[in-house]
Amino acid sequence: MLTASSVEKADSGVYVAVERFSGTVDGKKGSFALAHRGVQAHGKRELLITIVPDTGSDELKGIAGTFTIDIGADGAHSYDLAYTLPD
């Protein structure tokens, strides 16, 4: 992961990362890579996490989609993987 933040106290910054998921998605085993891009400008967040094309293995071969992280007011995180798999 790489990060950068504002030189002033503007509550702004960015992070980029690449992550490998290995496990089970709806009973299908395999792995895939996720590309992260998060930007915060004056406290407003924008986050894009995408499944890297053609990185799925085993039963997850051909997976495509996005991953979202929602951060509640209390700081609790919730996650959602929106994906498709070939037939």
C-alpha atoms as a PDB file:
ATOM      1  CA  MET A   1       0.000   0.000   0.000  1.00  0.00           C
ATOM      2  CA  LEU A   2       1.190   3.519  -0.816  1.00  0.00           C
ATOM      3  CA  THR A   3      -0.234   6.635   0.812  1.00  0.00           C
ATOM      4  CA  ALA A   4       0.150  10.396   0.624  1.00  0.00           C
ATOM      5  CA  SER A   5      -1.528  13.120   2.648  1.00  0.00           C
ATOM      6  CA  SER A   6      -1.963  16.870   2.440  1.00  0.00           C
ATOM      7  CA  VAL A   7       0.843  19.081   3.712  1.00  0.00           C
ATOM      8  CA  GLU A   8      -1.726  21.304   5.388  1.00  0.00           C
ATOM      9  CA  LYS A   9      -4.402  20.211   7.849  1.00  0.00           C
ATOM     10  CA  ALA A  10      -6.985  19.842   5.055  1.00  0.00           C
ATOM     11  CA  ASP A  11      -8.042  16.255   5.853  1.00  0.00           C
ATOM     12  CA  SER A  12      -7.026  15.168   2.344  1.00  0.00           C
ATOM     13  CA  GLY A  13      -4.975  12.240   1.052  1.00  0.00           C
ATOM     14  CA  VAL A  14      -4.783   9.192  -1.160  1.00  0.00           C
ATOM     15  CA  TYR A  15      -3.955   5.497  -0.968  1.00  0.00           C
ATOM     16  CA  VAL A  16      -3.396   2.841  -3.598  1.00  0.00           C
ATOM     17  CA  ALA A  17      -2.974  -0.870  -2.978  1.00  0.00           C
ATOM     18  CA  VAL A  18      -3.070  -4.293  -4.574  1.00  0.00           C
ATOM     19  CA  GLU A  19      -4.452  -7.175  -2.529  1.00  0.00           C
ATOM     20  CA  ARG A  20      -4.839 -10.903  -3.163  1.00  0.00           C
ATOM     21  CA  PHE A  21      -7.979 -12.609  -1.856  1.00  0.00           C
ATOM     22  CA  SER A  22      -7.795 -16.374  -1.330  1.00  0.00           C
ATOM     23  CA  GLY A  23     -10.818 -18.225  -0.050  1.00  0.00           C
ATOM     24  CA  THR A  24     -14.401 -19.076  -0.876  1.00  0.00           C
ATOM     25  CA  VAL A  25     -17.073 -16.934  -2.546  1.00  0.00           C
ATOM     26  CA  ASP A  26     -20.552 -18.473  -2.452  1.00  0.00           C
ATOM     27  CA  GLY A  27     -19.067 -21.960  -2.116  1.00  0.00           C
ATOM     28  CA  LYS A  28     -16.525 -21.514  -4.933  1.00  0.00           C
ATOM     29  CA  LYS A  29     -12.843 -21.743  -3.973  1.00  0.00           C
ATOM     30  CA  GLY A  30     -10.032 -19.760  -5.521  1.00  0.00           C
ATOM     31  CA  SER A  31      -8.271 -16.432  -5.459  1.00  0.00           C
ATOM     32  CA  PHE A  32      -8.208 -13.089  -7.258  1.00  0.00           C
ATOM     33  CA  ALA A  33      -6.526  -9.689  -7.017  1.00  0.00           C
ATOM     34  CA  LEU A  34      -8.160  -6.438  -5.973  1.00  0.00           C
ATOM     35  CA  ALA A  35      -6.913  -2.961  -6.969  1.00  0.00           C
ATOM     36  CA  HIS A  36      -7.653  -0.165  -4.463  1.00  0.00           C
ATOM     37  CA  ARG A  37      -7.789   3.590  -5.073  1.00  0.00           C
ATOM     38  CA  GLY A  38      -8.972   5.812  -2.259  1.00  0.00           C
ATOM     39  CA  VAL A  39      -8.992   9.617  -2.293  1.00  0.00           C
ATOM     40  CA  GLN A  40     -10.123  11.907   0.494  1.00  0.00           C
ATOM     41  CA  ALA A  41     -10.551  15.639  -0.238  1.00  0.00           C
ATOM     42  CA  HIS A  42     -11.371  17.881   2.730  1.00  0.00           C
ATOM     43  CA  GLY A  43     -12.939  14.911   4.517  1.00  0.00           C
ATOM     44  CA  LYS A  44     -15.046  13.683   1.569  1.00  0.00           C
ATOM     45  CA  ARG A  45     -14.127  10.083   0.660  1.00  0.00           C
ATOM     46  CA  GLU A  46     -14.092   8.382  -2.726  1.00  0.00           C
ATOM     47  CA  LEU A  47     -13.149   4.704  -2.840  1.00  0.00           C
ATOM     48  CA  LEU A  48     -12.886   2.403  -5.834  1.00  0.00           C
ATOM     49  CA  ILE A  49     -11.906  -1.243  -5.394  1.00  0.00           C
ATOM     50  CA  THR A  50     -12.003  -3.390  -8.523  1.00  0.00           C
ATOM     51  CA  ILE A  51     -11.331  -7.071  -9.167  1.00  0.00           C
ATOM     52  CA  VAL A  52      -8.304  -7.095 -11.475  1.00  0.00           C
ATOM     53  CA  PRO A  53      -9.355  -8.705 -14.778  1.00  0.00           C
ATOM     54  CA  ASP A  54      -8.084 -12.241 -15.486  1.00  0.00           C
ATOM     55  CA  THR A  55      -6.689 -12.801 -11.967  1.00  0.00           C
ATOM     56  CA  GLY A  56      -9.281 -15.339 -10.817  1.00  0.00           C
ATOM     57  CA  SER A  57      -8.049 -18.869 -10.166  1.00  0.00           C
ATOM     58  CA  ASP A  58      -9.635 -22.297  -9.761  1.00  0.00           C
ATOM     59  CA  GLU A  59     -13.440 -22.037  -9.369  1.00  0.00           C
ATOM     60  CA  LEU A  60     -13.192 -18.208  -9.402  1.00  0.00           C
ATOM     61  CA  LYS A  61     -11.600 -18.082 -12.851  1.00  0.00           C
ATOM     62  CA  GLY A  62     -13.214 -15.298 -14.894  1.00  0.00           C
ATOM     63  CA  ILE A  63     -14.554 -13.406 -11.862  1.00  0.00           C
ATOM     64  CA  ALA A  64     -15.222  -9.691 -12.437  1.00  0.00           C
ATOM     65  CA  GLY A  65     -16.665  -6.954 -10.275  1.00  0.00           C
ATOM     66  CA  THR A  66     -16.192  -4.441  -7.511  1.00  0.00           C
ATOM     67  CA  PHE A  67     -15.772  -4.420  -3.750  1.00  0.00           C
ATOM     68  CA  THR A  68     -17.162  -1.686  -1.514  1.00  0.00           C
ATOM     69  CA  ILE A  69     -16.369  -0.742   2.061  1.00  0.00           C
ATOM     70  CA  ASP A  70     -18.869   1.414   3.936  1.00  0.00           C
ATOM     71  CA  ILE A  71     -17.699   3.120   7.106  1.00  0.00           C
ATOM     72  CA  GLY A  72     -20.488   4.037   9.479  1.00  0.00           C
ATOM     73  CA  ALA A  73     -20.587   7.068  11.755  1.00  0.00           C
ATOM     74  CA  ASP A  74     -19.462   4.809  14.616  1.00  0.00           C
ATOM     75  CA  GLY A  75     -16.427   3.643  12.570  1.00  0.00           C
ATOM     76  CA  ALA A  76     -17.868   0.167  11.954  1.00  0.00           C
ATOM     77  CA  HIS A  77     -17.044  -1.266   8.525  1.00  0.00           C
ATOM     78  CA  SER A  78     -19.378  -3.240   6.272  1.00  0.00           C
ATOM     79  CA  TYR A  79     -18.340  -4.936   3.027  1.00  0.00           C
ATOM     80  CA  ASP A  80     -20.049  -5.853  -0.241  1.00  0.00           C
ATOM     81  CA  LEU A  81     -18.621  -7.860  -3.162  1.00  0.00           C
ATOM     82  CA  ALA A  82     -20.604  -7.336  -6.381  1.00  0.00           C
ATOM     83  CA  TYR A  83     -19.347  -9.880  -8.905  1.00  0.00           C
ATOM     84  CA  THR A  84     -20.100 -12.004 -11.912  1.00  0.00           C
ATOM     85  CA  LEU A  85     -18.705 -15.395 -12.918  1.00  0.00           C
ATOM     86  CA  PRO A  86     -18.877 -17.022 -16.338  1.00  0.00           C
ATOM     87  CA  ASP A  87     -21.462 -19.785 -16.748  1.00  0.00           C
END
